[in-house]
Amino acid sequence: MDQQTSTQGALPVKGKLDPRIMGTIIVFLIALFIGIAKPLSGLAPVGHHMVGVVIATLGLWIFKPNNVPFMAGCGLLVGGGLVFGLKYTTVAAGFVSSAVWILIPALYFGFVLQKTGLGTRIAYLVLKIFKPSWITMAISWFIIGIALSALTPSITVRLAIVMPIAMGVIEACKLKYNSKGSAFIALIAFAMCLFPGTGWLTGSLSGPIMVGFLPAELKPLATFDNWFKILALPWFTVTLVYVVLVVLLMKPKEAIGIDRNTFKDEYIALGKISRDEIITAVILVACLILFTTEKMHGIPAAGSALLALVLLLLFGIIKPSEIGTGANWDVIVFFGVTISLSTIFMDAKVSEWITPILQPTILSFASNPLIFMLILTAGIMLIRFIDVPWGFSTIALTAVVLIPVFNQFGIHPLVPTFAYLAGINFFLLGYQQPWMLMAEGIIQNKGWAAGHVFTAGLCYIIAVFVTILVCLPYWRMIGAIQ
């Protein structure tokens, strides 16, 4: 989510149109039809225009013709909004959200974690503790995932640190590429970069992003404390069940075939811990402490993150020449614009039009929280087959319904947020998860085959629904469900 996916453009085929361009053209024609024909009964003209603009934007984000960056779609969405009469404060609303001002420092946190080598040091420090086996490998990745999530919300950086190490383990074990053994190692490592950190507000960029999507009157409820109290146990459960299922279904029968000294030797090869690693560790840990004690000192998470960024600059961990390269500004613009979708839909009367359609259906299930959560989660997962860029447009359209869910049925907005997060982390087929494409690029498609991804995706889906069943009594006990 926090970096542009690294994928190669489709090779041109003589006499044939690039399928990415063909897909984009089809989506643009659909968008043009909606904007001109206005087929949606009861939706205002400006709403039709903006639905068309959003669909065209999704076409650019999904198909990426000629490998255009996210910013191309962002420019179309913002420019289209201005052309059709929306205000600057509407189309750029996301850029005044706390989410963006957590995102910017967070990307630099990931940059210094990778630059200084601190992230790699932490990974090998954990790996060398255990005697190598398939089970201890899964445990090690779990611990590494939690440790790196505590230091940086950047999933891209976690993948950049963890996946090369996973590839090194695969090669040290002399496992065949894309075999069951290599898939076991790579898919657990990949998932530990995604799942554990989702349990606290700053453990993944999904946290501040989801806060940005919540209606204004619900945002004050999404504090660090509330997020941790309501969502930490569920995501710990998802992670644990996923790992157990992958071990049961994908663990090879033969021994792992790697000596314990391998990880010790790799750790020793890193040398003594450097000044920059120590300073980075102190600043990031202090920032984490500020995040977790926000109720005591009152400094919002964005303020703590920005102060940490200032210190990294003052101590020279981030050099002036690295300001432009340390963070992916294409991604920053992407998130700022996508968070603006909620206000765009509201001002274009799209939310007003769709609420009477969605609300009766959704609220009819809300009286039974279990059925409500199961149906909402399944619906978000299904929509991810179409709404590929993490389902953001679906979240922006439906988040307004969380207001009556909270006011009328006493379900805290962070409870249904679990369903949205489950959709953001969802994968069953490789194309649905941009982070998976990124991980594949890092390990050069040597980790898993499509069948392994499907099996791991089923493990994830089962883990999510088991978690809902397990955690519903917990949510009632803490008062998140009245």
Protein backbone atom coordinates (compact mmCIF):
# COMPACT_ATOMS: atom_id res chain seq x y z
CA MET A 1 0.00 0.00 0.00
CA ASP A 2 2.75 2.38 0.79
CA GLN A 3 4.79 2.18 -2.34
CA GLN A 4 4.03 1.83 -6.01
CA THR A 5 3.93 -1.81 -6.99
CA SER A 6 6.95 -2.86 -8.98
CA THR A 7 5.69 -4.70 -12.02
CA GLN A 8 7.03 -4.88 -15.53
CA GLY A 9 4.98 -3.51 -18.35
CA ALA A 10 3.36 -5.96 -20.68
CA LEU A 11 5.61 -6.76 -23.60
CA PRO A 12 4.24 -5.39 -26.84
CA VAL A 13 2.98 -8.07 -29.17
CA LYS A 14 3.19 -7.35 -32.87
CA GLY A 15 -0.25 -6.80 -34.33
CA LYS A 16 -2.00 -6.91 -30.95
CA LEU A 17 -3.10 -4.17 -28.61
CA ASP A 18 -1.59 -4.22 -25.13
CA PRO A 19 -4.30 -5.77 -22.88
CA ARG A 20 -3.65 -3.03 -20.31
CA ILE A 21 -4.49 -0.37 -22.86
CA MET A 22 -7.52 -2.36 -24.04
CA GLY A 23 -8.76 -2.67 -20.45
CA THR A 24 -8.27 1.05 -19.87
CA ILE A 25 -10.17 1.92 -23.04
CA ILE A 26 -13.12 -0.28 -22.01
CA VAL A 27 -13.23 1.31 -18.54
CA PHE A 28 -13.02 4.81 -20.05
CA LEU A 29 -15.93 4.03 -22.40
CA ILE A 30 -18.02 2.87 -19.41
CA ALA A 31 -17.09 6.05 -17.55
CA LEU A 32 -17.99 8.17 -20.58
CA PHE A 33 -21.35 6.45 -20.93
CA ILE A 34 -22.22 7.11 -17.27
CA GLY A 35 -21.15 10.74 -17.52
CA ILE A 36 -23.11 11.43 -20.72
CA ALA A 37 -26.14 9.12 -20.56
CA LYS A 38 -26.69 9.58 -16.80
CA PRO A 39 -28.35 6.15 -16.38
CA LEU A 40 -28.47 6.13 -12.55
CA SER A 41 -31.98 7.18 -11.56
CA GLY A 42 -32.10 9.88 -8.92
CA LEU A 43 -28.40 10.75 -9.06
CA ALA A 44 -27.63 14.41 -9.78
CA PRO A 45 -25.71 15.31 -12.97
CA VAL A 46 -22.59 16.22 -10.98
CA GLY A 47 -22.86 12.82 -9.30
CA HIS A 48 -22.94 11.05 -12.67
CA HIS A 49 -19.94 13.07 -13.81
CA MET A 50 -17.93 12.22 -10.70
CA VAL A 51 -18.88 8.53 -10.79
CA GLY A 52 -17.56 8.53 -14.36
CA VAL A 53 -14.36 10.29 -13.30
CA VAL A 54 -13.82 7.82 -10.43
CA ILE A 55 -14.37 4.82 -12.74
CA ALA A 56 -11.88 6.24 -15.25
CA THR A 57 -9.43 6.85 -12.40
CA LEU A 58 -9.80 3.25 -11.24
CA GLY A 59 -9.04 2.16 -14.80
CA LEU A 60 -5.69 3.95 -14.66
CA TRP A 61 -4.89 2.60 -11.21
CA ILE A 62 -5.83 -0.99 -12.04
CA PHE A 63 -4.45 -1.40 -15.56
CA LYS A 64 -1.58 1.15 -15.45
CA PRO A 65 -1.30 1.56 -19.23
CA ASN A 66 2.30 2.21 -20.23
CA ASN A 67 3.16 1.83 -16.53
CA VAL A 68 1.77 5.25 -15.63
CA PRO A 69 2.22 6.11 -11.94
CA PHE A 70 -0.63 6.46 -9.45
CA MET A 71 -0.30 10.21 -9.88
CA ALA A 72 -1.85 9.98 -13.37
CA GLY A 73 -5.13 8.72 -11.89
CA CYS A 74 -4.84 11.23 -9.05
CA GLY A 75 -4.49 14.08 -11.52
CA LEU A 76 -7.53 12.85 -13.43
CA LEU A 77 -9.63 12.61 -10.25
CA VAL A 78 -8.65 16.03 -8.87
CA GLY A 79 -8.77 17.71 -12.28
CA GLY A 80 -12.10 16.09 -13.15
CA GLY A 81 -13.56 17.22 -9.85
CA LEU A 82 -12.52 20.81 -10.51
CA VAL A 83 -13.82 20.71 -14.08
CA PHE A 84 -17.24 19.58 -12.85
CA GLY A 85 -17.50 22.29 -10.23
CA LEU A 86 -16.21 20.79 -6.99
CA LYS A 87 -14.14 22.98 -4.67
CA TYR A 88 -10.42 22.65 -4.01
CA THR A 89 -11.22 21.95 -0.35
CA THR A 90 -13.28 18.97 -1.52
CA VAL A 91 -10.99 17.33 -4.08
CA ALA A 92 -7.90 17.88 -1.90
CA ALA A 93 -9.54 17.23 1.48
CA GLY A 94 -7.30 14.24 2.14
CA PHE A 95 -4.20 16.41 2.27
CA VAL A 96 -5.34 18.11 5.47
CA SER A 97 -6.14 14.73 7.05
CA SER A 98 -3.91 13.43 9.84
CA ALA A 99 -3.49 10.27 7.74
CA VAL A 100 -1.23 12.01 5.22
CA TRP A 101 0.82 13.66 7.96
CA ILE A 102 1.42 10.27 9.54
CA LEU A 103 2.10 8.73 6.13
CA ILE A 104 4.93 11.12 5.19
CA PRO A 105 7.07 10.54 8.32
CA ALA A 106 6.19 6.82 8.22
CA LEU A 107 7.70 6.39 4.77
CA TYR A 108 10.90 8.07 5.99
CA PHE A 109 10.89 5.78 9.06
CA GLY A 110 10.91 2.83 6.71
CA PHE A 111 13.64 4.44 4.63
CA VAL A 112 16.02 4.86 7.60
CA LEU A 113 15.20 1.39 8.92
CA GLN A 114 16.38 -0.01 5.62
CA LYS A 115 19.21 2.48 5.01
CA THR A 116 20.90 1.99 8.37
CA GLY A 117 20.51 -1.81 8.26
CA LEU A 118 18.60 -1.80 11.57
CA GLY A 119 15.68 -3.74 10.07
CA THR A 120 17.95 -6.50 8.75
CA ARG A 121 19.76 -6.65 12.09
CA ILE A 122 16.46 -7.14 13.94
CA ALA A 123 15.42 -9.90 11.52
CA TYR A 124 18.63 -11.91 11.90
CA LEU A 125 18.67 -11.29 15.66
CA VAL A 126 15.33 -13.11 15.86
CA LEU A 127 16.18 -15.86 13.35
CA LYS A 128 19.37 -16.87 15.17
CA ILE A 129 17.51 -17.46 18.44
CA PHE A 130 15.75 -20.65 17.34
CA LYS A 131 16.96 -24.00 16.11
CA PRO A 132 15.85 -24.03 12.46
CA SER A 133 12.69 -25.99 11.65
CA TRP A 134 9.53 -25.31 9.70
CA ILE A 135 7.68 -24.44 12.92
CA THR A 136 10.39 -22.16 14.37
CA MET A 137 10.70 -20.46 10.99
CA ALA A 138 7.00 -19.53 11.18
CA ILE A 139 7.44 -18.33 14.77
CA SER A 140 10.48 -16.25 13.79
CA TRP A 141 8.64 -14.51 10.95
CA PHE A 142 5.77 -13.77 13.34
CA ILE A 143 8.10 -12.09 15.86
CA ILE A 144 9.93 -10.22 13.10
CA GLY A 145 6.62 -8.98 11.69
CA ILE A 146 5.56 -7.56 15.05
CA ALA A 147 8.97 -5.96 15.71
CA LEU A 148 9.17 -4.26 12.32
CA SER A 149 5.52 -3.16 12.52
CA ALA A 150 6.32 -1.43 15.81
CA LEU A 151 9.12 0.56 14.18
CA THR A 152 7.59 1.44 10.82
CA PRO A 153 4.08 1.33 9.33
CA SER A 154 5.67 1.00 5.88
CA ILE A 155 4.75 -2.41 4.50
CA THR A 156 6.96 -1.78 1.50
CA VAL A 157 10.01 -1.46 3.72
CA ARG A 158 9.05 -4.54 5.73
CA LEU A 159 8.81 -6.48 2.46
CA ALA A 160 12.11 -5.01 1.26
CA ILE A 161 13.80 -6.21 4.46
CA VAL A 162 12.09 -9.57 4.97
CA MET A 163 11.64 -10.98 1.45
CA PRO A 164 15.37 -11.00 0.49
CA ILE A 165 16.10 -12.80 3.78
CA ALA A 166 13.33 -15.30 2.99
CA MET A 167 14.89 -15.82 -0.43
CA GLY A 168 18.26 -16.39 1.24
CA VAL A 169 16.69 -19.05 3.48
CA ILE A 170 15.12 -20.76 0.45
CA GLU A 171 18.48 -20.90 -1.31
CA ALA A 172 20.37 -21.97 1.83
CA CYS A 173 17.92 -24.87 2.21
CA LYS A 174 18.52 -25.75 -1.46
CA LEU A 175 14.76 -25.74 -2.03
CA LYS A 176 13.42 -25.81 -5.56
CA TYR A 177 12.02 -22.43 -6.60
CA ASN A 178 8.20 -22.19 -6.44
CA SER A 179 8.09 -25.50 -4.57
CA LYS A 180 5.96 -26.28 -1.53
CA GLY A 181 8.90 -25.56 0.79
CA SER A 182 9.83 -22.25 -0.81
CA ALA A 183 6.17 -21.19 -0.83
CA PHE A 184 5.82 -22.06 2.86
CA ILE A 185 8.75 -19.81 3.80
CA ALA A 186 7.89 -16.97 1.43
CA LEU A 187 4.13 -16.80 2.05
CA ILE A 188 4.47 -16.76 5.84
CA ALA A 189 7.18 -14.09 5.59
CA PHE A 190 4.99 -12.07 3.24
CA ALA A 191 1.91 -12.32 5.46
CA MET A 192 3.83 -11.30 8.57
CA CYS A 193 4.66 -8.04 6.82
CA LEU A 194 0.91 -7.38 6.44
CA PHE A 195 -1.19 -8.82 9.23
CA PRO A 196 0.25 -8.19 12.73
CA GLY A 197 0.67 -4.41 12.44
CA THR A 198 -2.96 -3.96 11.40
CA GLY A 199 -3.85 -4.43 15.07
CA TRP A 200 -2.75 -0.95 16.15
CA LEU A 201 -3.30 2.44 14.57
CA THR A 202 0.28 3.09 13.51
CA GLY A 203 1.35 -0.50 12.84
CA SER A 204 0.22 -0.27 9.23
CA LEU A 205 -0.72 2.59 6.95
CA SER A 206 -4.15 0.96 6.76
CA GLY A 207 -4.73 2.51 10.19
CA PRO A 208 -4.45 6.22 9.38
CA ILE A 209 -5.96 5.59 5.95
CA MET A 210 -9.11 4.07 7.47
CA VAL A 211 -9.36 6.97 9.93
CA GLY A 212 -9.29 9.25 6.90
CA PHE A 213 -12.26 7.41 5.38
CA LEU A 214 -14.43 7.56 8.52
CA PRO A 215 -17.20 10.21 8.55
CA ALA A 216 -16.17 13.36 10.44
CA GLU A 217 -18.39 12.67 13.45
CA LEU A 218 -16.84 9.22 13.93
CA LYS A 219 -13.15 10.18 13.57
CA PRO A 220 -12.76 11.15 17.28
CA LEU A 221 -13.65 7.56 18.21
CA ALA A 222 -10.68 6.16 16.25
CA THR A 223 -7.96 6.94 18.82
CA PHE A 224 -4.80 4.89 19.25
CA ASP A 225 -6.19 3.43 22.50
CA ASN A 226 -9.55 2.49 20.98
CA TRP A 227 -7.91 0.99 17.91
CA PHE A 228 -5.60 -1.18 20.01
CA LYS A 229 -8.35 -2.23 22.42
CA ILE A 230 -10.81 -3.18 19.67
CA LEU A 231 -8.54 -4.48 16.89
CA ALA A 232 -5.28 -5.78 18.40
CA LEU A 233 -6.73 -9.10 19.60
CA PRO A 234 -8.63 -9.77 16.33
CA TRP A 235 -5.55 -9.22 14.17
CA PHE A 236 -3.39 -11.26 16.51
CA THR A 237 -5.98 -14.01 16.09
CA VAL A 238 -6.06 -13.67 12.30
CA THR A 239 -2.27 -13.91 12.18
CA LEU A 240 -2.10 -16.89 14.52
CA VAL A 241 -4.85 -18.86 12.77
CA TYR A 242 -3.33 -18.09 9.35
CA VAL A 243 0.09 -19.37 10.46
CA VAL A 244 -1.40 -22.53 11.99
CA LEU A 245 -3.40 -23.28 8.82
CA VAL A 246 -0.41 -22.69 6.54
CA VAL A 247 1.68 -25.00 8.73
CA LEU A 248 -1.03 -27.69 8.57
CA LEU A 249 -1.65 -27.40 4.82
CA MET A 250 1.68 -26.33 3.35
CA LYS A 251 4.50 -27.57 5.60
CA PRO A 252 6.76 -29.98 3.72
CA LYS A 253 7.31 -33.44 5.19
CA GLU A 254 11.09 -33.34 4.93
CA ALA A 255 13.27 -31.42 7.42
CA ILE A 256 14.06 -27.79 6.64
CA GLY A 257 17.70 -28.57 5.89
CA ILE A 258 19.48 -25.53 7.27
CA ASP A 259 22.06 -25.23 10.03
CA ARG A 260 21.48 -22.92 13.01
CA ASN A 261 24.92 -21.35 12.51
CA THR A 262 23.76 -20.00 9.17
CA PHE A 263 21.74 -17.22 10.84
CA LYS A 264 24.41 -16.63 13.49
CA ASP A 265 27.01 -16.18 10.77
CA GLU A 266 24.76 -13.77 8.87
CA TYR A 267 24.23 -11.72 12.04
CA ILE A 268 27.96 -11.61 12.80
CA ALA A 269 28.61 -10.51 9.21
CA LEU A 270 26.56 -7.37 9.88
CA GLY A 271 29.32 -6.13 12.20
CA LYS A 272 28.94 -3.94 15.27
CA ILE A 273 25.82 -1.86 15.59
CA SER A 274 26.44 1.60 14.13
CA ARG A 275 25.78 5.08 15.50
CA ASP A 276 23.03 5.61 12.93
CA GLU A 277 21.32 2.35 13.90
CA ILE A 278 21.35 3.32 17.59
CA ILE A 279 19.98 6.82 16.95
CA THR A 280 17.32 5.45 14.61
CA ALA A 281 16.27 2.82 17.15
CA VAL A 282 16.03 5.36 19.99
CA ILE A 283 13.98 7.82 17.91
CA LEU A 284 11.59 5.20 16.53
CA VAL A 285 11.07 3.53 19.92
CA ALA A 286 10.45 6.93 21.53
CA CYS A 287 7.93 7.70 18.78
CA LEU A 288 6.18 4.39 19.44
CA ILE A 289 5.99 5.23 23.15
CA LEU A 290 4.43 8.60 22.31
CA PHE A 291 1.90 6.83 20.08
CA THR A 292 0.89 4.45 22.86
CA THR A 293 0.68 7.13 25.57
CA GLU A 294 -1.29 9.71 23.58
CA LYS A 295 -4.04 9.81 26.21
CA MET A 296 -1.50 10.89 28.84
CA HIS A 297 0.33 13.68 26.99
CA GLY A 298 -2.27 14.67 24.38
CA ILE A 299 0.12 14.84 21.43
CA PRO A 300 -1.67 13.38 18.38
CA ALA A 301 0.02 10.60 16.43
CA ALA A 302 0.76 12.89 13.48
CA GLY A 303 2.54 15.35 15.81
CA SER A 304 4.70 12.60 17.32
CA ALA A 305 5.56 11.24 13.87
CA LEU A 306 6.57 14.66 12.56
CA LEU A 307 8.73 15.39 15.62
CA ALA A 308 10.51 12.07 15.06
CA LEU A 309 11.10 13.02 11.43
CA VAL A 310 12.62 16.34 12.53
CA LEU A 311 15.05 14.49 14.83
CA LEU A 312 16.08 12.11 12.04
CA LEU A 313 16.87 15.15 9.90
CA LEU A 314 18.74 17.00 12.69
CA PHE A 315 20.91 13.97 13.47
CA GLY A 316 21.74 13.54 9.79
CA ILE A 317 20.17 10.09 9.48
CA ILE A 318 18.22 11.51 6.56
CA LYS A 319 20.42 13.68 4.33
CA PRO A 320 19.10 16.71 2.40
CA SER A 321 19.73 14.85 -0.87
CA GLU A 322 17.47 12.01 0.36
CA ILE A 323 14.37 14.16 0.93
CA GLY A 324 13.16 13.41 -2.59
CA THR A 325 14.14 9.73 -2.60
CA GLY A 326 13.43 8.65 0.98
CA ALA A 327 9.66 8.70 0.50
CA ASN A 328 7.60 7.73 -2.53
CA TRP A 329 5.73 10.95 -3.32
CA ASP A 330 3.65 9.20 -5.96
CA VAL A 331 2.20 7.11 -3.14
CA ILE A 332 1.75 10.13 -0.86
CA VAL A 333 -0.31 11.88 -3.54
CA PHE A 334 -2.23 8.62 -4.16
CA PHE A 335 -3.27 8.33 -0.52
CA GLY A 336 -4.08 12.02 -0.19
CA VAL A 337 -6.41 11.82 -3.18
CA THR A 338 -8.04 8.50 -2.24
CA ILE A 339 -8.83 9.81 1.24
CA SER A 340 -10.54 12.73 -0.50
CA LEU A 341 -12.97 10.28 -2.13
CA SER A 342 -15.31 10.46 0.87
CA THR A 343 -15.73 14.24 0.60
CA ILE A 344 -15.90 14.04 -3.20
CA PHE A 345 -18.77 11.55 -3.00
CA MET A 346 -20.54 13.70 -0.39
CA ASP A 347 -20.24 17.00 -2.27
CA ALA A 348 -21.17 15.35 -5.58
CA LYS A 349 -24.34 13.96 -3.92
CA VAL A 350 -23.23 10.38 -4.61
CA SER A 351 -23.34 9.47 -0.91
CA GLU A 352 -26.76 11.08 -0.59
CA TRP A 353 -27.97 9.00 -3.53
CA ILE A 354 -26.49 5.65 -2.48
CA THR A 355 -27.25 5.84 1.26
CA PRO A 356 -31.00 5.09 0.87
CA ILE A 357 -30.01 2.13 -1.34
CA LEU A 358 -27.38 0.68 0.98
CA GLN A 359 -28.69 1.69 4.37
CA PRO A 360 -31.87 -0.42 4.55
CA THR A 361 -29.96 -3.53 3.49
CA ILE A 362 -27.00 -3.00 5.81
CA LEU A 363 -29.08 -1.86 8.77
CA SER A 364 -31.42 -4.83 8.39
CA PHE A 365 -28.48 -7.02 9.47
CA ALA A 366 -27.06 -4.67 12.12
CA SER A 367 -29.50 -5.84 14.79
CA ASN A 368 -27.56 -9.14 14.77
CA PRO A 369 -23.86 -8.13 15.05
CA LEU A 370 -22.58 -11.59 14.10
CA ILE A 371 -24.59 -11.77 10.87
CA PHE A 372 -23.77 -8.12 10.17
CA MET A 373 -20.01 -8.68 10.49
CA LEU A 374 -20.04 -11.92 8.48
CA ILE A 375 -22.01 -10.39 5.60
CA LEU A 376 -20.09 -7.10 5.59
CA THR A 377 -16.74 -8.91 5.57
CA ALA A 378 -17.81 -11.32 2.83
CA GLY A 379 -19.15 -8.42 0.76
CA ILE A 380 -15.93 -6.42 1.04
CA MET A 381 -13.88 -9.47 0.07
CA LEU A 382 -16.09 -10.15 -2.96
CA ILE A 383 -15.86 -6.56 -4.15
CA ARG A 384 -12.05 -6.86 -4.09
CA PHE A 385 -12.29 -8.97 -7.25
CA ILE A 386 -13.31 -5.72 -8.98
CA ASP A 387 -12.15 -2.86 -6.74
CA VAL A 388 -8.52 -3.93 -6.95
CA PRO A 389 -6.65 -0.95 -5.41
CA TRP A 390 -7.37 -2.13 -1.85
CA GLY A 391 -11.13 -1.47 -2.18
CA PHE A 392 -10.73 2.22 -1.36
CA SER A 393 -13.60 3.46 -3.54
CA THR A 394 -15.95 0.91 -1.92
CA ILE A 395 -14.85 2.01 1.55
CA ALA A 396 -15.36 5.67 0.66
CA LEU A 397 -18.89 4.97 -0.62
CA THR A 398 -20.08 2.80 2.26
CA ALA A 399 -18.36 4.31 5.32
CA VAL A 400 -21.20 6.83 5.73
CA VAL A 401 -23.49 3.95 6.76
CA LEU A 402 -21.36 3.43 9.89
CA ILE A 403 -23.06 6.48 11.43
CA PRO A 404 -26.50 4.86 11.89
CA VAL A 405 -24.81 1.53 12.69
CA PHE A 406 -23.20 3.28 15.67
CA ASN A 407 -26.06 5.58 16.65
CA GLN A 408 -28.92 3.09 16.30
CA PHE A 409 -27.30 -0.25 17.10
CA GLY A 410 -24.39 0.68 19.37
CA ILE A 411 -21.70 -0.95 17.22
CA HIS A 412 -18.45 1.00 17.57
CA PRO A 413 -17.20 2.07 14.11
CA LEU A 414 -13.89 0.27 14.66
CA VAL A 415 -15.74 -3.06 14.81
CA PRO A 416 -16.95 -2.88 11.17
CA THR A 417 -13.57 -1.33 10.38
CA PHE A 418 -12.24 -4.87 10.94
CA ALA A 419 -14.23 -5.93 7.85
CA TYR A 420 -12.73 -3.13 5.78
CA LEU A 421 -9.21 -4.01 6.96
CA ALA A 422 -9.86 -7.66 6.13
CA GLY A 423 -10.74 -6.52 2.62
CA ILE A 424 -7.61 -4.36 2.32
CA ASN A 425 -5.39 -7.31 3.32
CA PHE A 426 -7.40 -9.79 1.23
CA PHE A 427 -5.82 -12.03 -1.39
CA LEU A 428 -6.92 -15.18 -3.15
CA LEU A 429 -5.54 -14.51 -6.61
CA GLY A 430 -2.21 -12.76 -7.06
CA TYR A 431 -3.55 -9.72 -8.91
CA GLN A 432 -5.81 -8.74 -6.00
CA GLN A 433 -2.98 -7.83 -3.67
CA PRO A 434 -0.52 -5.17 -4.89
CA TRP A 435 1.81 -5.99 -1.99
CA MET A 436 2.00 -9.56 -3.27
CA LEU A 437 3.06 -8.31 -6.69
CA MET A 438 5.70 -6.21 -4.96
CA ALA A 439 6.95 -9.20 -2.97
CA GLU A 440 7.09 -11.30 -6.14
CA GLY A 441 9.23 -8.63 -7.77
CA ILE A 442 11.64 -8.61 -4.83
CA ILE A 443 12.16 -12.38 -4.89
CA GLN A 444 12.01 -12.52 -8.71
CA ASN A 445 8.99 -14.86 -8.79
CA LYS A 446 10.97 -17.68 -7.14
CA GLY A 447 8.89 -18.07 -3.98
CA TRP A 448 5.46 -19.45 -4.84
CA ALA A 449 3.20 -20.64 -7.64
CA ALA A 450 -0.41 -19.55 -8.24
CA GLY A 451 -1.76 -22.66 -6.51
CA HIS A 452 0.21 -21.84 -3.36
CA VAL A 453 -1.22 -18.30 -3.33
CA PHE A 454 -4.75 -19.70 -3.63
CA THR A 455 -4.18 -22.09 -0.72
CA ALA A 456 -2.68 -19.35 1.45
CA GLY A 457 -5.57 -17.06 0.47
CA LEU A 458 -8.07 -19.66 1.65
CA CYS A 459 -6.14 -19.90 4.93
CA TYR A 460 -6.47 -16.14 5.30
CA ILE A 461 -10.21 -16.13 4.55
CA ILE A 462 -10.82 -18.91 7.09
CA ALA A 463 -8.67 -17.05 9.65
CA VAL A 464 -10.75 -13.88 9.21
CA PHE A 465 -14.10 -15.60 9.70
CA VAL A 466 -12.85 -17.68 12.63
CA THR A 467 -11.65 -14.43 14.20
CA ILE A 468 -15.09 -12.83 13.88
CA LEU A 469 -16.65 -15.81 15.67
CA VAL A 470 -13.99 -15.78 18.39
CA CYS A 471 -13.86 -12.03 18.95
CA LEU A 472 -17.56 -11.16 18.96
CA PRO A 473 -17.90 -12.05 22.68
CA TYR A 474 -14.74 -10.00 23.33
CA TRP A 475 -16.19 -6.97 21.55
CA ARG A 476 -19.34 -7.30 23.67
CA MET A 477 -17.30 -7.64 26.87
CA ILE A 478 -15.34 -4.39 26.26
CA GLY A 479 -18.47 -2.48 25.23
CA ALA A 480 -17.58 -2.09 21.53
CA ILE A 481 -20.92 -3.78 20.80
CA GLN A 482 -23.79 -2.68 23.03
